Amino acid sequence: MSVALIADSHVNGPGGPAGPLLEQLRALPGQGCRRLILMGDLFQAWVGYPSFETPDIAAVVAVLRDLRRSGIEIDYVEGNRDFFLAGSCYADAFDRVGLETAFTAGGRRYLAVHGDRLNNRDWKYRFWRRLSKSAPVRFALRFIPRKLALRAVHSTEQRLSRTNFKHRSALPEDAIRRYAERRLAEGYDVLLLGHFHEPRVWTVAGGEVLLLNAWFRSREVEWLR
């Protein structure tokens, strides 16, 4: 089974407009794709309510729905810039939405996780992440005026980026290795991570860690065959 991977496209941010990504998504059936793993942060910010929808979000979601109808399985691994997608009006664009997903390709067992939650020492970021995705914030975003809600999302996004900067300025290799060894011991061969925006491969006890390049940097779909 050919598995396509897209991590951190950040459309409407450093990834620019959705046009190039849409072309690549539309080409997947002809390239033999049977499963698509979206590793989070597909957009610069994505909130699971129609009032936050942009033309690019609408266009990408329409293509994802077409891909599902063509028989491609689609998993969405939530990133730090994704808010309340599970059970939202966009949920039908995916077979699964969650914090992680597991699958097998080429005889190897993969666990895909965005990666922003693995560093326990980054307590400021973990606090703001939990707060920004809490039930009170979900409730507020549904009912406060759109302009105010957009301002709140933008402010939260900036705050998350600032609290996370110290731990993103250099790869937290020790934290990644500790997390990988613990999760691989659950029965996986490879841990797939996004979030860190640069490609790396490490061998650790129990298997391998594969950090995916950010799409907004590479402009390429990655493949497992």
N, C-alpha and C. Protein backbone atom coordinates (compact mmCIF):
# COMPACT_ATOMS: atom_id res chain seq x y z
N MET A 1 0.85 -1.19 0.00
CA MET A 1 0.00 0.00 0.00
C MET A 1 0.88 1.23 0.00
N SER A 2 0.63 2.16 -0.93
CA SER A 2 1.38 3.41 -0.99
C SER A 2 0.73 4.43 -0.06
N VAL A 3 1.53 4.95 0.87
CA VAL A 3 1.05 5.91 1.85
C VAL A 3 1.70 7.25 1.58
N ALA A 4 0.89 8.29 1.42
CA ALA A 4 1.39 9.66 1.23
C ALA A 4 1.36 10.39 2.56
N LEU A 5 2.37 11.21 2.79
CA LEU A 5 2.50 11.95 4.05
C LEU A 5 2.66 13.44 3.75
N ILE A 6 1.91 14.26 4.47
CA ILE A 6 2.06 15.71 4.37
C ILE A 6 2.10 16.27 5.78
N ALA A 7 3.18 16.96 6.11
CA ALA A 7 3.35 17.53 7.45
C ALA A 7 3.53 19.03 7.35
N ASP A 8 2.83 19.75 8.19
CA ASP A 8 3.11 21.17 8.41
C ASP A 8 3.12 21.98 7.12
N SER A 9 2.01 21.97 6.41
CA SER A 9 1.95 22.79 5.20
C SER A 9 1.72 24.26 5.52
N HIS A 10 1.06 24.55 6.63
CA HIS A 10 0.86 25.93 7.09
C HIS A 10 0.32 26.84 5.98
N VAL A 11 -0.70 26.33 5.27
CA VAL A 11 -1.35 27.14 4.25
C VAL A 11 -1.93 28.40 4.90
N ASN A 12 -1.84 29.50 4.20
CA ASN A 12 -2.22 30.84 4.67
C ASN A 12 -1.24 31.42 5.67
N GLY A 13 -0.13 30.72 5.87
CA GLY A 13 0.99 31.23 6.64
C GLY A 13 2.22 31.13 5.77
N PRO A 14 3.31 30.54 6.28
CA PRO A 14 4.51 30.40 5.45
C PRO A 14 4.31 29.49 4.25
N GLY A 15 3.24 28.66 4.26
CA GLY A 15 2.96 27.81 3.11
C GLY A 15 2.27 28.52 1.97
N GLY A 16 1.88 29.79 2.19
CA GLY A 16 1.24 30.56 1.12
C GLY A 16 -0.17 30.09 0.83
N PRO A 17 -0.72 30.44 -0.34
CA PRO A 17 -2.07 30.02 -0.71
C PRO A 17 -2.12 28.52 -1.01
N ALA A 18 -3.33 27.99 -1.09
CA ALA A 18 -3.51 26.53 -1.17
C ALA A 18 -3.28 25.95 -2.56
N GLY A 19 -3.17 26.78 -3.60
CA GLY A 19 -3.11 26.27 -4.97
C GLY A 19 -2.14 25.13 -5.21
N PRO A 20 -0.84 25.27 -4.87
CA PRO A 20 0.11 24.17 -5.12
C PRO A 20 -0.24 22.89 -4.36
N LEU A 21 -0.71 23.02 -3.13
CA LEU A 21 -1.09 21.84 -2.36
C LEU A 21 -2.30 21.16 -2.98
N LEU A 22 -3.26 21.94 -3.45
CA LEU A 22 -4.44 21.37 -4.10
C LEU A 22 -4.05 20.54 -5.32
N GLU A 23 -3.12 21.03 -6.11
CA GLU A 23 -2.66 20.28 -7.28
C GLU A 23 -2.06 18.94 -6.87
N GLN A 24 -1.27 18.95 -5.82
CA GLN A 24 -0.64 17.71 -5.37
C GLN A 24 -1.68 16.73 -4.81
N LEU A 25 -2.65 17.24 -4.09
CA LEU A 25 -3.70 16.37 -3.56
C LEU A 25 -4.50 15.73 -4.69
N ARG A 26 -4.85 16.50 -5.68
CA ARG A 26 -5.64 15.97 -6.80
C ARG A 26 -4.88 14.90 -7.58
N ALA A 27 -3.54 14.96 -7.54
CA ALA A 27 -2.72 14.00 -8.29
C ALA A 27 -2.55 12.67 -7.56
N LEU A 28 -2.92 12.59 -6.29
CA LEU A 28 -2.61 11.40 -5.50
C LEU A 28 -3.24 10.11 -6.06
N PRO A 29 -4.51 10.10 -6.48
CA PRO A 29 -5.06 8.84 -6.99
C PRO A 29 -4.26 8.28 -8.17
N GLY A 30 -3.83 9.14 -9.07
CA GLY A 30 -3.06 8.68 -10.22
C GLY A 30 -1.67 8.23 -9.88
N GLN A 31 -1.19 8.55 -8.68
CA GLN A 31 0.14 8.14 -8.23
C GLN A 31 0.10 6.87 -7.38
N GLY A 32 -1.07 6.26 -7.30
CA GLY A 32 -1.18 5.00 -6.58
C GLY A 32 -1.38 5.12 -5.09
N CYS A 33 -1.74 6.30 -4.62
CA CYS A 33 -1.93 6.50 -3.18
C CYS A 33 -3.16 5.72 -2.71
N ARG A 34 -3.01 4.98 -1.63
CA ARG A 34 -4.13 4.28 -1.02
C ARG A 34 -4.46 4.84 0.36
N ARG A 35 -3.50 5.56 0.95
CA ARG A 35 -3.75 6.16 2.27
C ARG A 35 -2.96 7.46 2.36
N LEU A 36 -3.61 8.48 2.92
CA LEU A 36 -2.99 9.79 3.11
C LEU A 36 -2.97 10.10 4.60
N ILE A 37 -1.78 10.40 5.10
CA ILE A 37 -1.61 10.78 6.50
C ILE A 37 -1.26 12.27 6.53
N LEU A 38 -2.16 13.07 7.07
CA LEU A 38 -1.91 14.50 7.25
C LEU A 38 -1.42 14.69 8.68
N MET A 39 -0.19 15.17 8.82
CA MET A 39 0.51 15.16 10.11
C MET A 39 0.27 16.41 10.94
N GLY A 40 -0.78 17.17 10.62
CA GLY A 40 -1.13 18.33 11.44
C GLY A 40 -0.65 19.64 10.86
N ASP A 41 -1.24 20.73 11.36
CA ASP A 41 -0.91 22.09 10.93
C ASP A 41 -1.02 22.24 9.42
N LEU A 42 -2.12 21.70 8.90
CA LEU A 42 -2.38 21.83 7.47
C LEU A 42 -2.53 23.30 7.09
N PHE A 43 -3.16 24.07 7.98
CA PHE A 43 -3.30 25.51 7.80
C PHE A 43 -2.57 26.23 8.92
N GLN A 44 -2.34 27.50 8.74
CA GLN A 44 -1.69 28.28 9.78
C GLN A 44 -2.51 28.26 11.07
N ALA A 45 -3.82 28.24 10.92
CA ALA A 45 -4.72 28.00 12.04
C ALA A 45 -6.01 27.43 11.46
N TRP A 46 -6.50 26.35 12.08
CA TRP A 46 -7.71 25.70 11.59
C TRP A 46 -8.61 25.42 12.77
N VAL A 47 -9.76 26.09 12.78
CA VAL A 47 -10.76 25.92 13.84
C VAL A 47 -11.96 25.21 13.23
N GLY A 48 -12.49 24.22 13.94
CA GLY A 48 -13.53 23.37 13.39
C GLY A 48 -14.92 23.95 13.39
N TYR A 49 -15.07 25.24 13.13
CA TYR A 49 -16.38 25.88 13.03
C TYR A 49 -16.47 26.64 11.72
N PRO A 50 -17.65 26.59 11.06
CA PRO A 50 -17.78 27.26 9.76
C PRO A 50 -17.48 28.75 9.79
N SER A 51 -17.71 29.40 10.93
CA SER A 51 -17.49 30.84 10.99
C SER A 51 -16.02 31.22 10.80
N PHE A 52 -15.12 30.25 10.93
CA PHE A 52 -13.68 30.51 10.76
C PHE A 52 -13.19 30.07 9.38
N GLU A 53 -14.08 29.57 8.56
CA GLU A 53 -13.66 28.99 7.28
C GLU A 53 -13.18 30.08 6.31
N THR A 54 -12.06 29.79 5.66
CA THR A 54 -11.53 30.65 4.60
C THR A 54 -11.75 29.96 3.26
N PRO A 55 -11.63 30.67 2.15
CA PRO A 55 -11.76 30.01 0.84
C PRO A 55 -10.77 28.86 0.66
N ASP A 56 -9.55 29.01 1.18
CA ASP A 56 -8.57 27.93 1.05
C ASP A 56 -8.98 26.71 1.86
N ILE A 57 -9.50 26.91 3.05
CA ILE A 57 -9.98 25.77 3.84
C ILE A 57 -11.09 25.05 3.08
N ALA A 58 -12.06 25.80 2.57
CA ALA A 58 -13.16 25.19 1.83
C ALA A 58 -12.66 24.41 0.63
N ALA A 59 -11.68 24.95 -0.10
CA ALA A 59 -11.17 24.28 -1.29
C ALA A 59 -10.43 22.99 -0.95
N VAL A 60 -9.59 23.04 0.08
CA VAL A 60 -8.82 21.85 0.47
C VAL A 60 -9.76 20.76 0.98
N VAL A 61 -10.71 21.14 1.81
CA VAL A 61 -11.64 20.14 2.36
C VAL A 61 -12.45 19.49 1.24
N ALA A 62 -12.86 20.26 0.24
CA ALA A 62 -13.61 19.70 -0.89
C ALA A 62 -12.78 18.64 -1.62
N VAL A 63 -11.49 18.90 -1.81
CA VAL A 63 -10.63 17.92 -2.47
C VAL A 63 -10.42 16.69 -1.59
N LEU A 64 -10.27 16.89 -0.30
CA LEU A 64 -10.12 15.74 0.60
C LEU A 64 -11.36 14.85 0.56
N ARG A 65 -12.53 15.45 0.52
CA ARG A 65 -13.76 14.65 0.42
C ARG A 65 -13.79 13.86 -0.89
N ASP A 66 -13.33 14.49 -1.97
CA ASP A 66 -13.26 13.78 -3.26
C ASP A 66 -12.28 12.61 -3.17
N LEU A 67 -11.16 12.80 -2.51
CA LEU A 67 -10.19 11.71 -2.37
C LEU A 67 -10.77 10.55 -1.59
N ARG A 68 -11.50 10.85 -0.54
CA ARG A 68 -12.15 9.77 0.22
C ARG A 68 -13.14 9.02 -0.66
N ARG A 69 -13.90 9.74 -1.45
CA ARG A 69 -14.87 9.09 -2.34
C ARG A 69 -14.18 8.22 -3.38
N SER A 70 -12.94 8.59 -3.73
CA SER A 70 -12.18 7.79 -4.70
C SER A 70 -11.60 6.52 -4.08
N GLY A 71 -11.70 6.38 -2.76
CA GLY A 71 -11.23 5.16 -2.09
C GLY A 71 -9.97 5.33 -1.27
N ILE A 72 -9.43 6.55 -1.18
CA ILE A 72 -8.23 6.80 -0.38
C ILE A 72 -8.62 7.00 1.08
N GLU A 73 -7.96 6.26 1.97
CA GLU A 73 -8.14 6.48 3.40
C GLU A 73 -7.37 7.73 3.83
N ILE A 74 -7.98 8.55 4.68
CA ILE A 74 -7.31 9.78 5.12
C ILE A 74 -7.34 9.87 6.64
N ASP A 75 -6.15 10.03 7.22
CA ASP A 75 -6.00 10.23 8.66
C ASP A 75 -5.54 11.66 8.90
N TYR A 76 -6.13 12.31 9.90
CA TYR A 76 -5.65 13.63 10.30
C TYR A 76 -5.12 13.55 11.72
N VAL A 77 -3.82 13.85 11.87
CA VAL A 77 -3.18 13.89 13.18
C VAL A 77 -3.15 15.35 13.62
N GLU A 78 -3.87 15.68 14.66
CA GLU A 78 -4.00 17.08 15.05
C GLU A 78 -2.67 17.68 15.50
N GLY A 79 -2.40 18.89 15.02
CA GLY A 79 -1.21 19.62 15.41
C GLY A 79 -1.54 20.74 16.38
N ASN A 80 -0.56 21.54 16.69
CA ASN A 80 -0.76 22.61 17.65
C ASN A 80 -1.58 23.76 17.10
N ARG A 81 -1.74 23.85 15.79
CA ARG A 81 -2.52 24.93 15.19
C ARG A 81 -3.90 24.44 14.73
N ASP A 82 -4.30 23.26 15.19
CA ASP A 82 -5.60 22.69 14.87
C ASP A 82 -6.47 22.73 16.12
N PHE A 83 -7.70 23.22 15.96
CA PHE A 83 -8.58 23.40 17.11
C PHE A 83 -9.95 22.77 16.84
N PHE A 84 -10.30 21.76 17.62
CA PHE A 84 -11.66 21.21 17.66
C PHE A 84 -12.11 20.65 16.31
N LEU A 85 -11.25 19.91 15.65
CA LEU A 85 -11.61 19.31 14.36
C LEU A 85 -12.39 18.02 14.51
N ALA A 86 -12.07 17.22 15.53
CA ALA A 86 -12.78 15.96 15.74
C ALA A 86 -14.25 16.24 16.00
N GLY A 87 -15.12 15.56 15.26
CA GLY A 87 -16.54 15.77 15.43
C GLY A 87 -17.07 17.06 14.84
N SER A 88 -16.24 17.79 14.11
CA SER A 88 -16.65 19.07 13.54
C SER A 88 -17.32 18.87 12.19
N CYS A 89 -17.68 19.98 11.56
CA CYS A 89 -18.28 19.91 10.23
C CYS A 89 -17.29 19.43 9.18
N TYR A 90 -16.01 19.33 9.54
CA TYR A 90 -14.98 18.86 8.60
C TYR A 90 -14.65 17.38 8.80
N ALA A 91 -15.23 16.75 9.81
CA ALA A 91 -14.83 15.39 10.16
C ALA A 91 -15.08 14.39 9.04
N ASP A 92 -16.07 14.67 8.19
CA ASP A 92 -16.37 13.72 7.11
C ASP A 92 -15.32 13.75 6.01
N ALA A 93 -14.37 14.66 6.08
CA ALA A 93 -13.27 14.68 5.10
C ALA A 93 -12.19 13.65 5.45
N PHE A 94 -12.32 13.02 6.63
CA PHE A 94 -11.30 12.10 7.12
C PHE A 94 -11.92 10.78 7.57
N ASP A 95 -11.11 9.73 7.51
CA ASP A 95 -11.52 8.46 8.11
C ASP A 95 -11.28 8.48 9.61
N ARG A 96 -10.24 9.18 10.03
CA ARG A 96 -9.89 9.27 11.44
C ARG A 96 -9.30 10.64 11.72
N VAL A 97 -9.67 11.21 12.87
CA VAL A 97 -9.07 12.46 13.37
C VAL A 97 -8.67 12.21 14.81
N GLY A 98 -7.41 12.48 15.15
CA GLY A 98 -6.98 12.26 16.52
C GLY A 98 -5.58 12.79 16.76
N LEU A 99 -5.08 12.54 17.94
CA LEU A 99 -3.74 13.00 18.31
C LEU A 99 -2.65 12.09 17.74
N GLU A 100 -3.02 10.90 17.29
CA GLU A 100 -2.05 9.98 16.69
C GLU A 100 -2.80 8.95 15.86
N THR A 101 -2.07 8.27 14.98
CA THR A 101 -2.65 7.19 14.21
C THR A 101 -1.58 6.14 13.95
N ALA A 102 -2.00 4.89 13.86
CA ALA A 102 -1.07 3.78 13.63
C ALA A 102 -1.46 3.06 12.34
N PHE A 103 -0.46 2.60 11.62
CA PHE A 103 -0.72 1.88 10.37
C PHE A 103 0.50 1.05 10.01
N THR A 104 0.33 0.16 9.04
CA THR A 104 1.41 -0.68 8.55
C THR A 104 1.66 -0.39 7.08
N ALA A 105 2.91 -0.27 6.69
CA ALA A 105 3.29 -0.06 5.29
C ALA A 105 4.62 -0.75 5.05
N GLY A 106 4.71 -1.50 3.96
CA GLY A 106 5.95 -2.19 3.64
C GLY A 106 6.40 -3.15 4.72
N GLY A 107 5.46 -3.71 5.44
CA GLY A 107 5.79 -4.66 6.50
C GLY A 107 6.27 -4.02 7.80
N ARG A 108 6.26 -2.70 7.87
CA ARG A 108 6.70 -2.00 9.09
C ARG A 108 5.51 -1.33 9.77
N ARG A 109 5.55 -1.32 11.09
CA ARG A 109 4.46 -0.75 11.89
C ARG A 109 4.83 0.69 12.28
N TYR A 110 3.99 1.63 11.87
CA TYR A 110 4.26 3.05 12.08
C TYR A 110 3.29 3.63 13.12
N LEU A 111 3.81 4.55 13.92
CA LEU A 111 2.98 5.39 14.77
C LEU A 111 3.25 6.83 14.38
N ALA A 112 2.20 7.55 13.98
CA ALA A 112 2.33 8.94 13.54
C ALA A 112 1.77 9.86 14.62
N VAL A 113 2.60 10.80 15.07
CA VAL A 113 2.25 11.77 16.11
C VAL A 113 2.77 13.12 15.63
N HIS A 114 2.03 14.19 15.92
CA HIS A 114 2.49 15.51 15.45
C HIS A 114 3.85 15.86 16.07
N GLY A 115 3.97 15.75 17.38
CA GLY A 115 5.26 15.96 18.02
C GLY A 115 5.33 17.12 18.99
N ASP A 116 4.32 17.97 19.02
CA ASP A 116 4.42 19.17 19.87
C ASP A 116 4.25 18.85 21.35
N ARG A 117 3.70 17.68 21.69
CA ARG A 117 3.40 17.38 23.10
C ARG A 117 4.45 16.51 23.78
N LEU A 118 5.51 16.15 23.07
CA LEU A 118 6.39 15.13 23.63
C LEU A 118 7.43 15.66 24.61
N ASN A 119 7.65 16.97 24.62
CA ASN A 119 8.69 17.53 25.48
C ASN A 119 8.07 17.97 26.81
N ASN A 120 8.18 17.12 27.83
CA ASN A 120 7.58 17.42 29.13
C ASN A 120 8.19 18.64 29.80
N ARG A 121 9.41 19.02 29.40
CA ARG A 121 10.08 20.15 30.02
C ARG A 121 9.55 21.50 29.52
N ASP A 122 8.86 21.47 28.40
CA ASP A 122 8.30 22.70 27.84
C ASP A 122 6.96 22.96 28.50
N TRP A 123 6.95 23.25 29.78
CA TRP A 123 5.71 23.32 30.56
C TRP A 123 4.86 24.52 30.19
N LYS A 124 5.49 25.64 29.80
CA LYS A 124 4.70 26.81 29.41
C LYS A 124 3.87 26.50 28.17
N TYR A 125 4.52 25.88 27.19
CA TYR A 125 3.80 25.53 25.98
C TYR A 125 2.69 24.54 26.30
N ARG A 126 2.95 23.52 27.08
CA ARG A 126 1.95 22.51 27.40
C ARG A 126 0.75 23.14 28.11
N PHE A 127 1.02 24.12 28.98
CA PHE A 127 -0.07 24.81 29.67
C PHE A 127 -0.95 25.56 28.67
N TRP A 128 -0.32 26.35 27.81
CA TRP A 128 -1.10 27.14 26.86
C TRP A 128 -1.80 26.26 25.84
N ARG A 129 -1.19 25.15 25.47
CA ARG A 129 -1.85 24.24 24.54
C ARG A 129 -3.11 23.67 25.17
N ARG A 130 -2.99 23.22 26.41
CA ARG A 130 -4.15 22.65 27.08
C ARG A 130 -5.25 23.70 27.24
N LEU A 131 -4.87 24.91 27.61
CA LEU A 131 -5.86 25.97 27.79
C LEU A 131 -6.55 26.31 26.47
N SER A 132 -5.77 26.44 25.40
CA SER A 132 -6.34 26.87 24.12
C SER A 132 -7.28 25.83 23.53
N LYS A 133 -7.17 24.57 23.98
CA LYS A 133 -8.02 23.51 23.43
C LYS A 133 -9.01 22.98 24.48
N SER A 134 -9.26 23.79 25.48
CA SER A 134 -10.13 23.38 26.58
C SER A 134 -11.60 23.58 26.22
N ALA A 135 -12.48 22.96 27.02
CA ALA A 135 -13.92 23.09 26.80
C ALA A 135 -14.41 24.53 26.89
N PRO A 136 -13.95 25.35 27.85
CA PRO A 136 -14.41 26.74 27.88
C PRO A 136 -14.04 27.52 26.61
N VAL A 137 -12.84 27.28 26.08
CA VAL A 137 -12.45 27.97 24.85
C VAL A 137 -13.31 27.48 23.68
N ARG A 138 -13.57 26.18 23.61
CA ARG A 138 -14.45 25.65 22.57
C ARG A 138 -15.82 26.34 22.62
N PHE A 139 -16.36 26.46 23.82
CA PHE A 139 -17.66 27.10 23.98
C PHE A 139 -17.61 28.56 23.53
N ALA A 140 -16.56 29.27 23.95
CA ALA A 140 -16.45 30.69 23.62
C ALA A 140 -16.35 30.91 22.12
N LEU A 141 -15.56 30.07 21.43
CA LEU A 141 -15.36 30.25 19.99
C LEU A 141 -16.64 30.01 19.21
N ARG A 142 -17.55 29.24 19.76
CA ARG A 142 -18.81 28.97 19.06
C ARG A 142 -19.75 30.16 19.11
N PHE A 143 -19.63 30.99 20.14
CA PHE A 143 -20.68 31.97 20.36
C PHE A 143 -20.22 33.44 20.33
N ILE A 144 -18.92 33.69 20.48
CA ILE A 144 -18.50 35.08 20.44
C ILE A 144 -18.45 35.55 18.98
N PRO A 145 -18.56 36.87 18.73
CA PRO A 145 -18.55 37.37 17.35
C PRO A 145 -17.31 36.93 16.59
N ARG A 146 -17.47 36.76 15.28
CA ARG A 146 -16.40 36.23 14.44
C ARG A 146 -15.12 37.04 14.56
N LYS A 147 -15.21 38.38 14.47
CA LYS A 147 -13.99 39.19 14.51
C LYS A 147 -13.25 39.01 15.83
N LEU A 148 -13.99 38.96 16.92
CA LEU A 148 -13.37 38.77 18.23
C LEU A 148 -12.78 37.38 18.35
N ALA A 149 -13.48 36.40 17.81
CA ALA A 149 -12.98 35.03 17.86
C ALA A 149 -11.70 34.88 17.04
N LEU A 150 -11.66 35.48 15.85
CA LEU A 150 -10.46 35.43 15.02
C LEU A 150 -9.28 36.10 15.72
N ARG A 151 -9.56 37.20 16.38
CA ARG A 151 -8.51 37.89 17.13
C ARG A 151 -7.98 36.99 18.26
N ALA A 152 -8.89 36.27 18.92
CA ALA A 152 -8.49 35.38 20.01
C ALA A 152 -7.64 34.23 19.49
N VAL A 153 -8.02 33.66 18.35
CA VAL A 153 -7.24 32.56 17.77
C VAL A 153 -5.86 33.05 17.37
N HIS A 154 -5.79 34.23 16.74
CA HIS A 154 -4.50 34.78 16.34
C HIS A 154 -3.60 35.03 17.55
N SER A 155 -4.19 35.57 18.61
CA SER A 155 -3.44 35.84 19.83
C SER A 155 -2.92 34.55 20.45
N THR A 156 -3.78 33.53 20.49
CA THR A 156 -3.37 32.24 21.05
C THR A 156 -2.26 31.61 20.22
N GLU A 157 -2.39 31.70 18.90
CA GLU A 157 -1.36 31.17 18.01
C GLU A 157 -0.01 31.83 18.26
N GLN A 158 -0.01 33.16 18.42
CA GLN A 158 1.24 33.87 18.68
C GLN A 158 1.82 33.49 20.04
N ARG A 159 0.94 33.34 21.03
CA ARG A 159 1.41 32.99 22.36
C ARG A 159 2.02 31.58 22.37
N LEU A 160 1.36 30.65 21.69
CA LEU A 160 1.90 29.29 21.59
C LEU A 160 3.28 29.30 20.93
N SER A 161 3.41 30.11 19.87
CA SER A 161 4.69 30.17 19.18
C SER A 161 5.78 30.74 20.08
N ARG A 162 5.45 31.76 20.88
CA ARG A 162 6.45 32.37 21.76
C ARG A 162 6.84 31.43 22.88
N THR A 163 5.88 30.75 23.49
CA THR A 163 6.21 29.86 24.59
C THR A 163 7.00 28.66 24.10
N ASN A 164 6.82 28.30 22.85
CA ASN A 164 7.47 27.12 22.29
C ASN A 164 8.83 27.44 21.67
N PHE A 165 9.20 28.73 21.58
CA PHE A 165 10.36 29.11 20.78
C PHE A 165 11.65 28.51 21.32
N LYS A 166 11.86 28.57 22.63
CA LYS A 166 13.11 28.08 23.19
C LYS A 166 13.33 26.62 22.87
N HIS A 167 12.24 25.84 22.86
CA HIS A 167 12.36 24.41 22.64
C HIS A 167 12.30 24.06 21.16
N ARG A 168 11.95 25.05 20.30
CA ARG A 168 11.94 24.80 18.88
C ARG A 168 13.19 25.34 18.20
N SER A 169 13.95 26.21 18.88
CA SER A 169 15.13 26.79 18.26
C SER A 169 16.21 25.74 18.03
N ALA A 170 16.18 24.67 18.81
CA ALA A 170 17.06 23.52 18.60
C ALA A 170 16.23 22.27 18.84
N LEU A 171 16.46 21.25 18.05
CA LEU A 171 15.69 20.02 18.21
C LEU A 171 15.91 19.44 19.61
N PRO A 172 14.83 19.13 20.34
CA PRO A 172 15.00 18.50 21.66
C PRO A 172 15.28 17.01 21.50
N GLU A 173 16.48 16.70 21.03
CA GLU A 173 16.79 15.32 20.63
C GLU A 173 16.63 14.34 21.79
N ASP A 174 17.07 14.72 22.98
CA ASP A 174 16.95 13.80 24.11
C ASP A 174 15.49 13.50 24.41
N ALA A 175 14.65 14.53 24.39
CA ALA A 175 13.22 14.32 24.66
C ALA A 175 12.59 13.45 23.59
N ILE A 176 12.97 13.68 22.33
CA ILE A 176 12.43 12.88 21.23
C ILE A 176 12.84 11.42 21.39
N ARG A 177 14.11 11.18 21.73
CA ARG A 177 14.58 9.80 21.89
C ARG A 177 13.87 9.10 23.04
N ARG A 178 13.70 9.81 24.17
CA ARG A 178 13.01 9.19 25.30
C ARG A 178 11.57 8.82 24.94
N TYR A 179 10.90 9.76 24.29
CA TYR A 179 9.51 9.52 23.89
C TYR A 179 9.45 8.37 22.88
N ALA A 180 10.35 8.38 21.92
CA ALA A 180 10.34 7.34 20.88
C ALA A 180 10.56 5.96 21.48
N GLU A 181 11.52 5.83 22.38
CA GLU A 181 11.79 4.51 22.96
C GLU A 181 10.58 4.00 23.74
N ARG A 182 9.90 4.90 24.43
CA ARG A 182 8.72 4.49 25.19
C ARG A 182 7.59 4.05 24.27
N ARG A 183 7.34 4.81 23.19
CA ARG A 183 6.23 4.47 22.31
C ARG A 183 6.55 3.28 21.42
N LEU A 184 7.80 3.17 20.96
CA LEU A 184 8.16 2.02 20.12
C LEU A 184 8.03 0.71 20.89
N ALA A 185 8.24 0.77 22.19
CA ALA A 185 8.10 -0.43 23.03
C ALA A 185 6.67 -0.95 23.06
N GLU A 186 5.71 -0.14 22.59
CA GLU A 186 4.32 -0.57 22.53
C GLU A 186 4.06 -1.49 21.34
N GLY A 187 5.07 -1.67 20.48
CA GLY A 187 4.92 -2.60 19.37
C GLY A 187 5.05 -1.99 17.99
N TYR A 188 5.66 -0.81 17.91
CA TYR A 188 5.85 -0.15 16.61
C TYR A 188 7.31 -0.25 16.18
N ASP A 189 7.53 -0.11 14.88
CA ASP A 189 8.89 -0.12 14.33
C ASP A 189 9.42 1.29 14.07
N VAL A 190 8.51 2.22 13.73
CA VAL A 190 8.92 3.57 13.35
C VAL A 190 7.98 4.58 14.00
N LEU A 191 8.56 5.63 14.60
CA LEU A 191 7.80 6.77 15.07
C LEU A 191 7.93 7.89 14.05
N LEU A 192 6.80 8.35 13.52
CA LEU A 192 6.76 9.46 12.57
C LEU A 192 6.39 10.74 13.31
N LEU A 193 7.15 11.79 13.08
CA LEU A 193 6.89 13.08 13.72
C LEU A 193 6.89 14.20 12.69
N GLY A 194 6.02 15.19 12.91
CA GLY A 194 6.06 16.44 12.17
C GLY A 194 6.57 17.52 13.11
N HIS A 195 5.98 18.69 13.04
CA HIS A 195 6.14 19.78 14.01
C HIS A 195 7.50 20.47 13.99
N PHE A 196 8.59 19.71 13.84
CA PHE A 196 9.92 20.30 13.98
C PHE A 196 10.46 20.88 12.67
N HIS A 197 9.77 20.63 11.56
CA HIS A 197 10.00 21.34 10.30
C HIS A 197 11.33 21.00 9.62
N GLU A 198 12.00 19.97 10.05
CA GLU A 198 13.23 19.58 9.34
C GLU A 198 13.35 18.08 9.35
N PRO A 199 13.85 17.50 8.23
CA PRO A 199 13.92 16.05 8.12
C PRO A 199 15.11 15.48 8.89
N ARG A 200 14.85 14.47 9.68
CA ARG A 200 15.92 13.76 10.39
C ARG A 200 15.50 12.30 10.54
N VAL A 201 16.49 11.42 10.62
CA VAL A 201 16.25 10.01 10.89
C VAL A 201 17.20 9.58 11.99
N TRP A 202 16.65 8.96 13.04
CA TRP A 202 17.47 8.46 14.14
C TRP A 202 17.12 7.01 14.41
N THR A 203 18.15 6.23 14.71
CA THR A 203 17.94 4.89 15.22
C THR A 203 17.97 4.94 16.73
N VAL A 204 16.94 4.37 17.35
CA VAL A 204 16.85 4.34 18.80
C VAL A 204 16.55 2.91 19.23
N ALA A 205 16.61 2.68 20.52
CA ALA A 205 16.29 1.36 21.04
C ALA A 205 14.86 1.00 20.63
N GLY A 206 14.72 -0.10 19.93
CA GLY A 206 13.40 -0.57 19.53
C GLY A 206 12.98 -0.20 18.13
N GLY A 207 13.74 0.68 17.45
CA GLY A 207 13.32 1.02 16.10
C GLY A 207 13.93 2.31 15.59
N GLU A 208 13.10 3.13 14.96
CA GLU A 208 13.58 4.30 14.23
C GLU A 208 12.65 5.48 14.45
N VAL A 209 13.22 6.67 14.42
CA VAL A 209 12.45 7.91 14.47
C VAL A 209 12.63 8.62 13.13
N LEU A 210 11.52 9.01 12.54
CA LEU A 210 11.55 9.72 11.26
C LEU A 210 10.86 11.06 11.44
N LEU A 211 11.65 12.14 11.40
CA LEU A 211 11.10 13.49 11.42
C LEU A 211 10.88 13.93 9.98
N LEU A 212 9.66 14.37 9.70
CA LEU A 212 9.30 14.76 8.35
C LEU A 212 9.62 16.22 8.09
N ASN A 213 10.04 16.51 6.89
CA ASN A 213 10.24 17.89 6.50
C ASN A 213 8.89 18.60 6.41
N ALA A 214 8.86 19.87 6.72
CA ALA A 214 7.63 20.65 6.58
C ALA A 214 7.34 20.87 5.10
N TRP A 215 6.06 20.66 4.73
CA TRP A 215 5.68 20.88 3.34
C TRP A 215 5.95 22.32 2.92
N PHE A 216 5.76 23.27 3.84
CA PHE A 216 5.97 24.67 3.44
C PHE A 216 7.43 24.94 3.09
N ARG A 217 8.34 24.07 3.51
CA ARG A 217 9.74 24.19 3.12
C ARG A 217 10.06 23.40 1.85
N SER A 218 9.61 22.15 1.81
CA SER A 218 9.99 21.26 0.71
C SER A 218 9.05 21.36 -0.49
N ARG A 219 7.78 21.70 -0.23
CA ARG A 219 6.73 21.70 -1.25
C ARG A 219 6.58 20.32 -1.89
N GLU A 220 6.83 19.28 -1.11
CA GLU A 220 6.76 17.92 -1.65
C GLU A 220 5.91 17.02 -0.74
N VAL A 221 5.17 16.12 -1.37
CA VAL A 221 4.51 15.03 -0.66
C VAL A 221 5.56 13.94 -0.42
N GLU A 222 5.58 13.38 0.78
CA GLU A 222 6.50 12.29 1.08
C GLU A 222 5.75 10.97 0.98
N TRP A 223 6.50 9.88 0.74
CA TRP A 223 5.86 8.59 0.46
C TRP A 223 6.49 7.46 1.27
N LEU A 224 5.64 6.52 1.64
CA LEU A 224 6.05 5.23 2.18
C LEU A 224 5.46 4.18 1.27
N ARG A 225 6.28 3.30 0.74
CA ARG A 225 5.79 2.28 -0.20
C ARG A 225 6.20 0.88 0.25
